[in-house]
């Protein structure tokens, strides 16, 4: 009798162990089935992750809710999610002003512009501007739209590829193949930008906002910048400043981040200045993707530099 009772206890014990292990394995399987999460701080980085990693990771771009991701500040929930992600992909070059007040795991942070720090463009002074609903803000002492030099954009994509390979080595060949295709696409637009600017190097242009510094440097644009917003009519002081610039620059085109107000366009036309959009593409475009926006930018430049 005692022997039978002992056998029954043993069977019950083993059954309990099997059930417990099954639950644990099920949890591990479910977790393993989830894609690694990669957080990004701007749209070009989102595009690069999608092109390089494809379906291997889940990309999250919380700053997309902002008019300008460079002015975005994370919530507590955003920070918690970033801390739990596989990678946190940053632009660097002072782009993420919020980073100074946030604690994130350094081992999973990828500052994609760090590898070419010697090429960062230092500004003489910080400037204060206003962007739509974001309100007034200040640009720091480093220009941060690095991706507008497409050679630097490729370096950022390369740094991302290397971080993905390190984090997910089983997919290394997938990442490398996709990066090679992305690099080829970006080099094609880069060559077109360079050819357009060099065919008319003395053509003066105006930029409505000081965010095109890397574009100017890489492609040799003869440009001057003002501090105008597309959705606001410049005041008389701004128009007077423009007249002073024009006295020695004589540009026939002003390039904007977004569509300017019709009344601004009309007054510029009275000064002999036409308007066009050269989209920096820091946030998701309404249509198309990063490469398509850059191709559209090339068509705008073709129009300007072929006249």
C-alpha atoms as a PDB file:
ATOM      1  CA  UNK A   1       0.000   0.000   0.000  1.00  0.00           C
ATOM      2  CA  UNK A   2       2.786   2.358   0.976  1.00  0.00           C
ATOM      3  CA  UNK A   3       4.614   1.533  -2.253  1.00  0.00           C
ATOM      4  CA  UNK A   4       1.528   2.415  -4.335  1.00  0.00           C
ATOM      5  CA  UNK A   5       1.084   5.694  -2.465  1.00  0.00           C
ATOM      6  CA  UNK A   6       4.697   6.627  -3.098  1.00  0.00           C
ATOM      7  CA  UNK A   7       4.297   5.858  -6.792  1.00  0.00           C
ATOM      8  CA  UNK A   8       1.167   8.050  -6.954  1.00  0.00           C
ATOM      9  CA  UNK A   9       2.995  10.946  -5.319  1.00  0.00           C
ATOM     10  CA  UNK A  10       5.855  10.538  -7.776  1.00  0.00           C
ATOM     11  CA  UNK A  11       3.467  10.623 -10.759  1.00  0.00           C
ATOM     12  CA  UNK A  12       1.737  13.766  -9.441  1.00  0.00           C
ATOM     13  CA  UNK A  13       5.088  15.450  -8.822  1.00  0.00           C
ATOM     14  CA  UNK A  14       6.332  14.687 -12.331  1.00  0.00           C
ATOM     15  CA  UNK A  15       3.040  15.890 -13.844  1.00  0.00           C
ATOM     16  CA  UNK A  16       3.376  19.199 -11.982  1.00  0.00           C
ATOM     17  CA  UNK A  17       6.944  19.642 -13.241  1.00  0.00           C
ATOM     18  CA  UNK A  18       5.871  18.981 -16.821  1.00  0.00           C
ATOM     19  CA  UNK A  19       3.075  21.550 -16.587  1.00  0.00           C
ATOM     20  CA  UNK A  20       5.383  24.186 -15.080  1.00  0.00           C
ATOM     21  CA  UNK A  21       8.089  23.652 -17.701  1.00  0.00           C
ATOM     22  CA  UNK A  22       5.513  23.795 -20.457  1.00  0.00           C
ATOM     23  CA  UNK A  23       4.301  27.222 -19.288  1.00  0.00           C
ATOM     24  CA  UNK A  24       7.869  28.510 -19.105  1.00  0.00           C
ATOM     25  CA  UNK A  25       8.728  27.219 -22.551  1.00  0.00           C
ATOM     26  CA  UNK A  26       5.534  28.732 -23.927  1.00  0.00           C
ATOM     27  CA  UNK A  27       6.505  32.129 -22.474  1.00  0.00           C
ATOM     28  CA  UNK A  28       9.981  31.889 -23.981  1.00  0.00           C
ATOM     29  CA  UNK A  29       8.534  30.897 -27.340  1.00  0.00           C
ATOM     30  CA  UNK A  30       6.134  33.850 -27.292  1.00  0.00           C
ATOM     31  CA  UNK A  31       8.939  36.243 -26.357  1.00  0.00           C
ATOM     32  CA  UNK A  32      11.215  34.767 -29.002  1.00  0.00           C
ATOM     33  CA  UNK A  33       8.452  35.295 -31.558  1.00  0.00           C
ATOM     34  CA  UNK A  34       8.419  39.039 -30.933  1.00  0.00           C
ATOM     35  CA  UNK A  35      10.582  41.191 -33.207  1.00  0.00           C
ATOM     36  CA  UNK A  36      13.467  43.131 -31.640  1.00  0.00           C
ATOM     37  CA  UNK A  37      12.425  46.767 -31.250  1.00  0.00           C
ATOM     38  CA  UNK A  38      14.602  49.547 -32.672  1.00  0.00           C
ATOM     39  CA  UNK A  39      13.848  53.127 -31.636  1.00  0.00           C
ATOM     40  CA  UNK A  40      14.919  55.981 -33.932  1.00  0.00           C
ATOM     41  CA  UNK A  41      14.995  59.748 -33.409  1.00  0.00           C
ATOM     42  CA  UNK A  42      14.267  61.026 -36.926  1.00  0.00           C
ATOM     43  CA  UNK A  43      12.799  59.909 -40.205  1.00  0.00           C
ATOM     44  CA  UNK A  44      16.014  59.339 -42.205  1.00  0.00           C
ATOM     45  CA  UNK A  45      17.073  56.850 -39.528  1.00  0.00           C
ATOM     46  CA  UNK A  46      13.682  55.167 -39.644  1.00  0.00           C
ATOM     47  CA  UNK A  47      14.043  54.806 -43.411  1.00  0.00           C
ATOM     48  CA  UNK A  48      17.577  53.412 -43.090  1.00  0.00           C
ATOM     49  CA  UNK A  49      16.493  50.822 -40.491  1.00  0.00           C
ATOM     50  CA  UNK A  50      13.587  49.741 -42.677  1.00  0.00           C
ATOM     51  CA  UNK A  51      15.829  49.432 -45.726  1.00  0.00           C
ATOM     52  CA  UNK A  52      18.614  47.556 -43.930  1.00  0.00           C
ATOM     53  CA  UNK A  53      16.729  45.382 -41.431  1.00  0.00           C
ATOM     54  CA  UNK A  54      13.503  44.894 -43.343  1.00  0.00           C
ATOM     55  CA  UNK A  55      11.131  42.535 -41.519  1.00  0.00           C
ATOM     56  CA  UNK A  56      13.764  41.424 -39.009  1.00  0.00           C
ATOM     57  CA  UNK A  57      13.016  44.247 -36.520  1.00  0.00           C
ATOM     58  CA  UNK A  58      10.153  46.489 -35.460  1.00  0.00           C
ATOM     59  CA  UNK A  59      10.987  50.186 -35.960  1.00  0.00           C
ATOM     60  CA  UNK A  60       9.501  52.785 -33.631  1.00  0.00           C
ATOM     61  CA  UNK A  61       9.738  56.512 -34.302  1.00  0.00           C
ATOM     62  CA  UNK A  62       7.946  58.260 -31.409  1.00  0.00           C
ATOM     63  CA  UNK A  63       9.104  61.742 -32.461  1.00  0.00           C
ATOM     64  CA  UNK A  64       7.023  61.473 -35.629  1.00  0.00           C
ATOM     65  CA  UNK A  65       4.173  63.073 -33.645  1.00  0.00           C
ATOM     66  CA  UNK A  66       6.166  66.322 -33.564  1.00  0.00           C
ATOM     67  CA  UNK A  67       6.170  69.006 -36.254  1.00  0.00           C
ATOM     68  CA  UNK A  68       9.959  68.824 -36.065  1.00  0.00           C
ATOM     69  CA  UNK A  69      11.507  65.695 -34.470  1.00  0.00           C
ATOM     70  CA  UNK A  70      14.583  67.764 -33.520  1.00  0.00           C
ATOM     71  CA  UNK A  71      12.358  69.625 -31.027  1.00  0.00           C
ATOM     72  CA  UNK A  72      10.603  66.552 -29.625  1.00  0.00           C
ATOM     73  CA  UNK A  73      10.899  65.591 -25.942  1.00  0.00           C
ATOM     74  CA  UNK A  74      10.125  62.038 -24.793  1.00  0.00           C
ATOM     75  CA  UNK A  75       7.506  61.217 -22.190  1.00  0.00           C
ATOM     76  CA  UNK A  76       8.205  58.886 -19.281  1.00  0.00           C
ATOM     77  CA  UNK A  77       6.497  56.126 -21.249  1.00  0.00           C
ATOM     78  CA  UNK A  78       8.720  56.829 -24.282  1.00  0.00           C
ATOM     79  CA  UNK A  79      11.842  56.587 -22.121  1.00  0.00           C
ATOM     80  CA  UNK A  80      10.695  53.325 -20.555  1.00  0.00           C
ATOM     81  CA  UNK A  81      10.090  51.823 -24.000  1.00  0.00           C
ATOM     82  CA  UNK A  82      13.482  52.988 -25.274  1.00  0.00           C
ATOM     83  CA  UNK A  83      15.223  51.502 -22.243  1.00  0.00           C
ATOM     84  CA  UNK A  84      13.683  48.124 -23.080  1.00  0.00           C
ATOM     85  CA  UNK A  85      14.461  48.202 -26.814  1.00  0.00           C
ATOM     86  CA  UNK A  86      17.154  46.246 -28.630  1.00  0.00           C
ATOM     87  CA  UNK A  87      18.704  49.386 -30.141  1.00  0.00           C
ATOM     88  CA  UNK A  88      18.261  53.148 -29.745  1.00  0.00           C
ATOM     89  CA  UNK A  89      19.394  54.781 -32.981  1.00  0.00           C
ATOM     90  CA  UNK A  90      20.322  58.450 -32.691  1.00  0.00           C
ATOM     91  CA  UNK A  91      21.477  61.033 -35.179  1.00  0.00           C
ATOM     92  CA  UNK A  92      23.977  62.800 -32.926  1.00  0.00           C
ATOM     93  CA  UNK A  93      25.718  66.108 -33.746  1.00  0.00           C
ATOM     94  CA  UNK A  94      23.501  67.775 -31.085  1.00  0.00           C
ATOM     95  CA  UNK A  95      20.286  66.658 -32.815  1.00  0.00           C
ATOM     96  CA  UNK A  96      18.718  65.057 -29.731  1.00  0.00           C
ATOM     97  CA  UNK A  97      18.658  67.942 -27.243  1.00  0.00           C
ATOM     98  CA  UNK A  98      16.529  65.858 -24.864  1.00  0.00           C
ATOM     99  CA  UNK A  99      19.297  63.288 -24.425  1.00  0.00           C
ATOM    100  CA  UNK A 100      21.090  65.334 -21.754  1.00  0.00           C
ATOM    101  CA  UNK A 101      18.233  64.766 -19.310  1.00  0.00           C
ATOM    102  CA  UNK A 102      17.557  61.088 -20.029  1.00  0.00           C
ATOM    103  CA  UNK A 103      19.274  57.929 -18.830  1.00  0.00           C
ATOM    104  CA  UNK A 104      19.504  55.235 -21.519  1.00  0.00           C
ATOM    105  CA  UNK A 105      21.601  52.046 -21.729  1.00  0.00           C
ATOM    106  CA  UNK A 106      24.841  53.083 -23.445  1.00  0.00           C
ATOM    107  CA  UNK A 107      25.451  49.564 -24.788  1.00  0.00           C
ATOM    108  CA  UNK A 108      22.331  49.820 -26.949  1.00  0.00           C
ATOM    109  CA  UNK A 109      22.686  53.421 -28.115  1.00  0.00           C
ATOM    110  CA  UNK A 110      23.978  54.066 -31.645  1.00  0.00           C
ATOM    111  CA  UNK A 111      24.973  57.674 -32.370  1.00  0.00           C
ATOM    112  CA  UNK A 112      25.239  57.359 -36.132  1.00  0.00           C
ATOM    113  CA  UNK A 113      27.086  60.648 -36.748  1.00  0.00           C
ATOM    114  CA  UNK A 114      29.806  59.987 -34.176  1.00  0.00           C
ATOM    115  CA  UNK A 115      32.146  58.351 -36.690  1.00  0.00           C
ATOM    116  CA  UNK A 116      32.565  61.589 -38.660  1.00  0.00           C
ATOM    117  CA  UNK A 117      32.671  64.071 -35.796  1.00  0.00           C
ATOM    118  CA  UNK A 118      35.540  65.885 -37.503  1.00  0.00           C
ATOM    119  CA  UNK A 119      33.101  66.759 -40.308  1.00  0.00           C
ATOM    120  CA  UNK A 120      30.475  68.291 -38.031  1.00  0.00           C
ATOM    121  CA  UNK A 121      29.771  71.907 -38.894  1.00  0.00           C
ATOM    122  CA  UNK A 122      30.248  74.196 -35.915  1.00  0.00           C
ATOM    123  CA  UNK A 123      28.071  77.279 -35.742  1.00  0.00           C
ATOM    124  CA  UNK A 124      29.295  80.642 -34.501  1.00  0.00           C
ATOM    125  CA  UNK A 125      26.290  81.134 -32.217  1.00  0.00           C
ATOM    126  CA  UNK A 126      22.999  79.561 -31.279  1.00  0.00           C
ATOM    127  CA  UNK A 127      19.906  80.991 -32.953  1.00  0.00           C
ATOM    128  CA  UNK A 128      16.338  81.146 -31.717  1.00  0.00           C
ATOM    129  CA  UNK A 129      13.399  80.361 -33.992  1.00  0.00           C
ATOM    130  CA  UNK A 130       9.743  79.361 -33.892  1.00  0.00           C
ATOM    131  CA  UNK A 131       8.370  76.229 -35.590  1.00  0.00           C
ATOM    132  CA  UNK A 132       4.584  75.947 -35.887  1.00  0.00           C
ATOM    133  CA  UNK A 133       2.986  74.386 -32.829  1.00  0.00           C
ATOM    134  CA  UNK A 134       6.384  73.603 -31.335  1.00  0.00           C
ATOM    135  CA  UNK A 135       6.837  77.239 -30.356  1.00  0.00           C
ATOM    136  CA  UNK A 136      10.122  79.020 -29.858  1.00  0.00           C
ATOM    137  CA  UNK A 137      13.296  76.972 -29.753  1.00  0.00           C
ATOM    138  CA  UNK A 138      17.036  77.354 -30.036  1.00  0.00           C
ATOM    139  CA  UNK A 139      19.430  75.681 -32.442  1.00  0.00           C
ATOM    140  CA  UNK A 140      22.679  74.683 -30.749  1.00  0.00           C
ATOM    141  CA  UNK A 141      26.245  75.357 -31.787  1.00  0.00           C
ATOM    142  CA  UNK A 142      26.451  72.318 -34.069  1.00  0.00           C
ATOM    143  CA  UNK A 143      24.540  71.929 -37.337  1.00  0.00           C
ATOM    144  CA  UNK A 144      22.709  68.609 -37.117  1.00  0.00           C
ATOM    145  CA  UNK A 145      20.979  67.878 -40.440  1.00  0.00           C
ATOM    146  CA  UNK A 146      23.945  65.703 -41.384  1.00  0.00           C
ATOM    147  CA  UNK A 147      21.941  63.463 -43.736  1.00  0.00           C
ATOM    148  CA  UNK A 148      21.603  66.307 -46.280  1.00  0.00           C
ATOM    149  CA  UNK A 149      25.153  65.439 -47.253  1.00  0.00           C
ATOM    150  CA  UNK A 150      24.336  62.049 -48.730  1.00  0.00           C
ATOM    151  CA  UNK A 151      27.904  60.821 -48.289  1.00  0.00           C
ATOM    152  CA  UNK A 152      27.470  61.387 -44.553  1.00  0.00           C
ATOM    153  CA  UNK A 153      24.028  59.780 -44.718  1.00  0.00           C
ATOM    154  CA  UNK A 154      25.707  56.649 -46.069  1.00  0.00           C
ATOM    155  CA  UNK A 155      28.137  56.710 -43.142  1.00  0.00           C
ATOM    156  CA  UNK A 156      25.179  56.921 -40.770  1.00  0.00           C
ATOM    157  CA  UNK A 157      23.548  53.960 -42.482  1.00  0.00           C
ATOM    158  CA  UNK A 158      26.838  52.061 -42.267  1.00  0.00           C
ATOM    159  CA  UNK A 159      27.069  52.689 -38.511  1.00  0.00           C
ATOM    160  CA  UNK A 160      23.512  51.416 -38.191  1.00  0.00           C
ATOM    161  CA  UNK A 161      24.317  48.294 -40.206  1.00  0.00           C
ATOM    162  CA  UNK A 162      27.305  47.557 -37.966  1.00  0.00           C
ATOM    163  CA  UNK A 163      25.193  47.945 -34.827  1.00  0.00           C
ATOM    164  CA  UNK A 164      22.522  45.635 -36.212  1.00  0.00           C
ATOM    165  CA  UNK A 165      25.107  42.992 -37.119  1.00  0.00           C
ATOM    166  CA  UNK A 166      26.578  43.183 -33.625  1.00  0.00           C
ATOM    167  CA  UNK A 167      23.172  42.892 -32.001  1.00  0.00           C
ATOM    168  CA  UNK A 168      21.654  40.317 -34.381  1.00  0.00           C
ATOM    169  CA  UNK A 169      24.596  38.413 -35.923  1.00  0.00           C
ATOM    170  CA  UNK A 170      22.387  35.658 -37.375  1.00  0.00           C
ATOM    171  CA  UNK A 171      21.081  38.208 -39.897  1.00  0.00           C
ATOM    172  CA  UNK A 172      24.451  39.715 -40.836  1.00  0.00           C
ATOM    173  CA  UNK A 173      24.316  38.785 -44.526  1.00  0.00           C
ATOM    174  CA  UNK A 174      20.754  40.141 -44.807  1.00  0.00           C
ATOM    175  CA  UNK A 175      21.843  43.452 -43.289  1.00  0.00           C
ATOM    176  CA  UNK A 176      24.913  43.674 -45.520  1.00  0.00           C
ATOM    177  CA  UNK A 177      23.005  42.951 -48.736  1.00  0.00           C
ATOM    178  CA  UNK A 178      20.320  45.500 -47.915  1.00  0.00           C
ATOM    179  CA  UNK A 179      22.867  48.121 -46.918  1.00  0.00           C
ATOM    180  CA  UNK A 180      24.684  47.666 -50.230  1.00  0.00           C
ATOM    181  CA  UNK A 181      21.471  48.359 -52.136  1.00  0.00           C
ATOM    182  CA  UNK A 182      20.716  51.402 -49.983  1.00  0.00           C
ATOM    183  CA  UNK A 183      24.247  52.715 -50.476  1.00  0.00           C
ATOM    184  CA  UNK A 184      23.910  52.375 -54.240  1.00  0.00           C
ATOM    185  CA  UNK A 185      20.621  54.293 -54.213  1.00  0.00           C
ATOM    186  CA  UNK A 186      22.004  57.107 -52.073  1.00  0.00           C
ATOM    187  CA  UNK A 187      25.153  57.385 -54.173  1.00  0.00           C
ATOM    188  CA  UNK A 188      22.990  57.836 -57.257  1.00  0.00           C
ATOM    189  CA  UNK A 189      21.191  60.850 -55.782  1.00  0.00           C
ATOM    190  CA  UNK A 190      24.448  62.162 -54.309  1.00  0.00           C
ATOM    191  CA  UNK A 191      26.060  62.145 -57.762  1.00  0.00           C
ATOM    192  CA  UNK A 192      23.090  63.994 -59.223  1.00  0.00           C
ATOM    193  CA  UNK A 193      23.174  66.649 -56.492  1.00  0.00           C
ATOM    194  CA  UNK A 194      26.899  67.168 -57.043  1.00  0.00           C
ATOM    195  CA  UNK A 195      26.592  67.391 -60.821  1.00  0.00           C
ATOM    196  CA  UNK A 196      23.746  69.910 -60.653  1.00  0.00           C
ATOM    197  CA  UNK A 197      25.530  72.272 -58.295  1.00  0.00           C
ATOM    198  CA  UNK A 198      28.840  72.154 -60.159  1.00  0.00           C
ATOM    199  CA  UNK A 199      27.295  72.864 -63.548  1.00  0.00           C
ATOM    200  CA  UNK A 200      26.344  76.357 -62.340  1.00  0.00           C
ATOM    201  CA  UNK A 201      28.588  77.060 -59.330  1.00  0.00           C
ATOM    202  CA  UNK A 202      28.041  80.812 -59.463  1.00  0.00           C
ATOM    203  CA  UNK A 203      24.244  80.634 -59.233  1.00  0.00           C
ATOM    204  CA  UNK A 204      23.221  82.290 -55.947  1.00  0.00           C
ATOM    205  CA  UNK A 205      20.321  80.832 -53.948  1.00  0.00           C
ATOM    206  CA  UNK A 206      18.604  81.661 -50.683  1.00  0.00           C
ATOM    207  CA  UNK A 207      17.602  79.237 -47.953  1.00  0.00           C
ATOM    208  CA  UNK A 208      14.621  80.161 -45.810  1.00  0.00           C
ATOM    209  CA  UNK A 209      16.092  78.514 -42.725  1.00  0.00           C
ATOM    210  CA  UNK A 210      19.612  77.639 -41.514  1.00  0.00           C
ATOM    211  CA  UNK A 211      19.305  73.848 -41.804  1.00  0.00           C
ATOM    212  CA  UNK A 212      21.069  73.246 -45.116  1.00  0.00           C
ATOM    213  CA  UNK A 213      24.676  73.665 -43.974  1.00  0.00           C
ATOM    214  CA  UNK A 214      25.785  70.125 -44.851  1.00  0.00           C
ATOM    215  CA  UNK A 215      24.093  70.376 -48.216  1.00  0.00           C
ATOM    216  CA  UNK A 216      25.922  73.653 -48.932  1.00  0.00           C
ATOM    217  CA  UNK A 217      29.287  72.239 -47.892  1.00  0.00           C
ATOM    218  CA  UNK A 218      29.046  68.944 -49.769  1.00  0.00           C
ATOM    219  CA  UNK A 219      27.601  70.242 -53.023  1.00  0.00           C
ATOM    220  CA  UNK A 220      29.214  73.675 -53.196  1.00  0.00           C
ATOM    221  CA  UNK A 221      25.987  75.689 -53.253  1.00  0.00           C
ATOM    222  CA  UNK A 222      26.501  79.442 -53.264  1.00  0.00           C
ATOM    223  CA  UNK A 223      23.845  80.189 -50.664  1.00  0.00           C
ATOM    224  CA  UNK A 224      22.775  82.573 -47.940  1.00  0.00           C
ATOM    225  CA  UNK A 225      20.243  81.732 -45.231  1.00  0.00           C
ATOM    226  CA  UNK A 226      17.563  83.765 -43.516  1.00  0.00           C
ATOM    227  CA  UNK A 227      15.411  82.714 -40.537  1.00  0.00           C
ATOM    228  CA  UNK A 228      11.922  82.523 -41.985  1.00  0.00           C
ATOM    229  CA  UNK A 229       9.129  80.047 -41.303  1.00  0.00           C
ATOM    230  CA  UNK A 230       6.894  78.760 -44.124  1.00  0.00           C
ATOM    231  CA  UNK A 231       3.693  79.323 -42.131  1.00  0.00           C
ATOM    232  CA  UNK A 232       4.436  82.900 -41.018  1.00  0.00           C
ATOM    233  CA  UNK A 233       4.646  86.168 -42.937  1.00  0.00           C
ATOM    234  CA  UNK A 234       8.058  87.791 -42.347  1.00  0.00           C
ATOM    235  CA  UNK A 235       7.992  91.145 -40.574  1.00  0.00           C
ATOM    236  CA  UNK A 236       9.471  94.296 -42.094  1.00  0.00           C
ATOM    237  CA  UNK A 237      12.827  93.820 -40.367  1.00  0.00           C
ATOM    238  CA  UNK A 238      13.148  90.442 -42.087  1.00  0.00           C
ATOM    239  CA  UNK A 239      12.319  91.947 -45.474  1.00  0.00           C
ATOM    240  CA  UNK A 240      14.884  94.671 -44.907  1.00  0.00           C
ATOM    241  CA  UNK A 241      17.487  92.036 -44.017  1.00  0.00           C
ATOM    242  CA  UNK A 242      16.677  90.183 -47.227  1.00  0.00           C
ATOM    243  CA  UNK A 243      17.121  93.362 -49.276  1.00  0.00           C
ATOM    244  CA  UNK A 244      20.568  93.840 -47.734  1.00  0.00           C
ATOM    245  CA  UNK A 245      21.510  90.241 -48.575  1.00  0.00           C
ATOM    246  CA  UNK A 246      20.248  90.667 -52.129  1.00  0.00           C
ATOM    247  CA  UNK A 247      22.371  93.759 -52.686  1.00  0.00           C
ATOM    248  CA  UNK A 248      25.432  91.506 -52.821  1.00  0.00           C
ATOM    249  CA  UNK A 249      23.906  88.117 -53.560  1.00  0.00           C
ATOM    250  CA  UNK A 250      21.147  88.673 -56.167  1.00  0.00           C
ATOM    251  CA  UNK A 251      19.483  85.274 -55.840  1.00  0.00           C
ATOM    252  CA  UNK A 252      16.514  84.422 -58.036  1.00  0.00           C
ATOM    253  CA  UNK A 253      15.359  81.478 -55.916  1.00  0.00           C
ATOM    254  CA  UNK A 254      14.529  80.910 -52.253  1.00  0.00           C
ATOM    255  CA  UNK A 255      14.415  77.280 -51.122  1.00  0.00           C
ATOM    256  CA  UNK A 256      12.029  76.394 -48.293  1.00  0.00           C
ATOM    257  CA  UNK A 257      11.535  73.501 -45.855  1.00  0.00           C
ATOM    258  CA  UNK A 258       7.814  73.515 -46.664  1.00  0.00           C
ATOM    259  CA  UNK A 259       5.318  75.436 -48.762  1.00  0.00           C
ATOM    260  CA  UNK A 260       5.416  79.164 -47.869  1.00  0.00           C
ATOM    261  CA  UNK A 261       2.358  81.369 -47.504  1.00  0.00           C
ATOM    262  CA  UNK A 262       0.952  82.717 -50.810  1.00  0.00           C
ATOM    263  CA  UNK A 263       1.422  86.314 -49.625  1.00  0.00           C
ATOM    264  CA  UNK A 264       5.084  85.619 -48.895  1.00  0.00           C
ATOM    265  CA  UNK A 265       5.501  84.098 -52.351  1.00  0.00           C
ATOM    266  CA  UNK A 266       3.905  87.123 -53.994  1.00  0.00           C
ATOM    267  CA  UNK A 267       6.130  89.619 -52.209  1.00  0.00           C
ATOM    268  CA  UNK A 268       9.225  87.605 -53.053  1.00  0.00           C
ATOM    269  CA  UNK A 269       8.150  87.553 -56.690  1.00  0.00           C
ATOM    270  CA  UNK A 270       7.920  91.354 -56.581  1.00  0.00           C
ATOM    271  CA  UNK A 271      11.621  91.270 -55.667  1.00  0.00           C
ATOM    272  CA  UNK A 272      12.363  88.900 -58.555  1.00  0.00           C
ATOM    273  CA  UNK A 273      12.709  85.851 -56.283  1.00  0.00           C
ATOM    274  CA  UNK A 274      10.881  82.590 -56.973  1.00  0.00           C
ATOM    275  CA  UNK A 275      10.085  79.989 -54.305  1.00  0.00           C
ATOM    276  CA  UNK A 276      10.583  76.223 -54.266  1.00  0.00           C
ATOM    277  CA  UNK A 277      10.627  73.505 -51.597  1.00  0.00           C
ATOM    278  CA  UNK A 278      13.849  71.622 -50.847  1.00  0.00           C
ATOM    279  CA  UNK A 279      12.578  69.159 -48.260  1.00  0.00           C
ATOM    280  CA  UNK A 280      15.104  68.281 -45.510  1.00  0.00           C
ATOM    281  CA  UNK A 281      12.930  65.237 -44.738  1.00  0.00           C
ATOM    282  CA  UNK A 282      13.540  65.128 -40.994  1.00  0.00           C
ATOM    283  CA  UNK A 283      10.019  63.791 -40.505  1.00  0.00           C
ATOM    284  CA  UNK A 284       7.915  61.342 -42.501  1.00  0.00           C
ATOM    285  CA  UNK A 285       6.837  62.860 -45.818  1.00  0.00           C
ATOM    286  CA  UNK A 286       3.158  63.037 -46.637  1.00  0.00           C
ATOM    287  CA  UNK A 287       3.822  60.930 -49.722  1.00  0.00           C
ATOM    288  CA  UNK A 288       6.736  58.772 -50.807  1.00  0.00           C
ATOM    289  CA  UNK A 289       9.820  57.922 -48.799  1.00  0.00           C
ATOM    290  CA  UNK A 290      13.262  59.380 -48.114  1.00  0.00           C
ATOM    291  CA  UNK A 291      14.759  58.371 -51.454  1.00  0.00           C
ATOM    292  CA  UNK A 292      11.755  59.658 -53.381  1.00  0.00           C
ATOM    293  CA  UNK A 293      11.917  62.993 -51.539  1.00  0.00           C
ATOM    294  CA  UNK A 294      15.621  63.307 -52.338  1.00  0.00           C
ATOM    295  CA  UNK A 295      14.877  62.537 -55.985  1.00  0.00           C
ATOM    296  CA  UNK A 296      12.207  65.242 -55.955  1.00  0.00           C
ATOM    297  CA  UNK A 297      14.755  67.620 -54.408  1.00  0.00           C
ATOM    298  CA  UNK A 298      17.078  66.800 -57.307  1.00  0.00           C
ATOM    299  CA  UNK A 299      14.358  67.769 -59.785  1.00  0.00           C
ATOM    300  CA  UNK A 300      13.940  71.110 -57.977  1.00  0.00           C
ATOM    301  CA  UNK A 301      17.674  71.746 -58.187  1.00  0.00           C
ATOM    302  CA  UNK A 302      17.657  70.769 -61.854  1.00  0.00           C
ATOM    303  CA  UNK A 303      15.114  73.469 -62.490  1.00  0.00           C
ATOM    304  CA  UNK A 304      17.159  76.081 -60.627  1.00  0.00           C
ATOM    305  CA  UNK A 305      20.618  75.278 -61.925  1.00  0.00           C
ATOM    306  CA  UNK A 306      19.602  74.702 -65.543  1.00  0.00           C
ATOM    307  CA  UNK A 307      18.217  78.202 -65.995  1.00  0.00           C
END
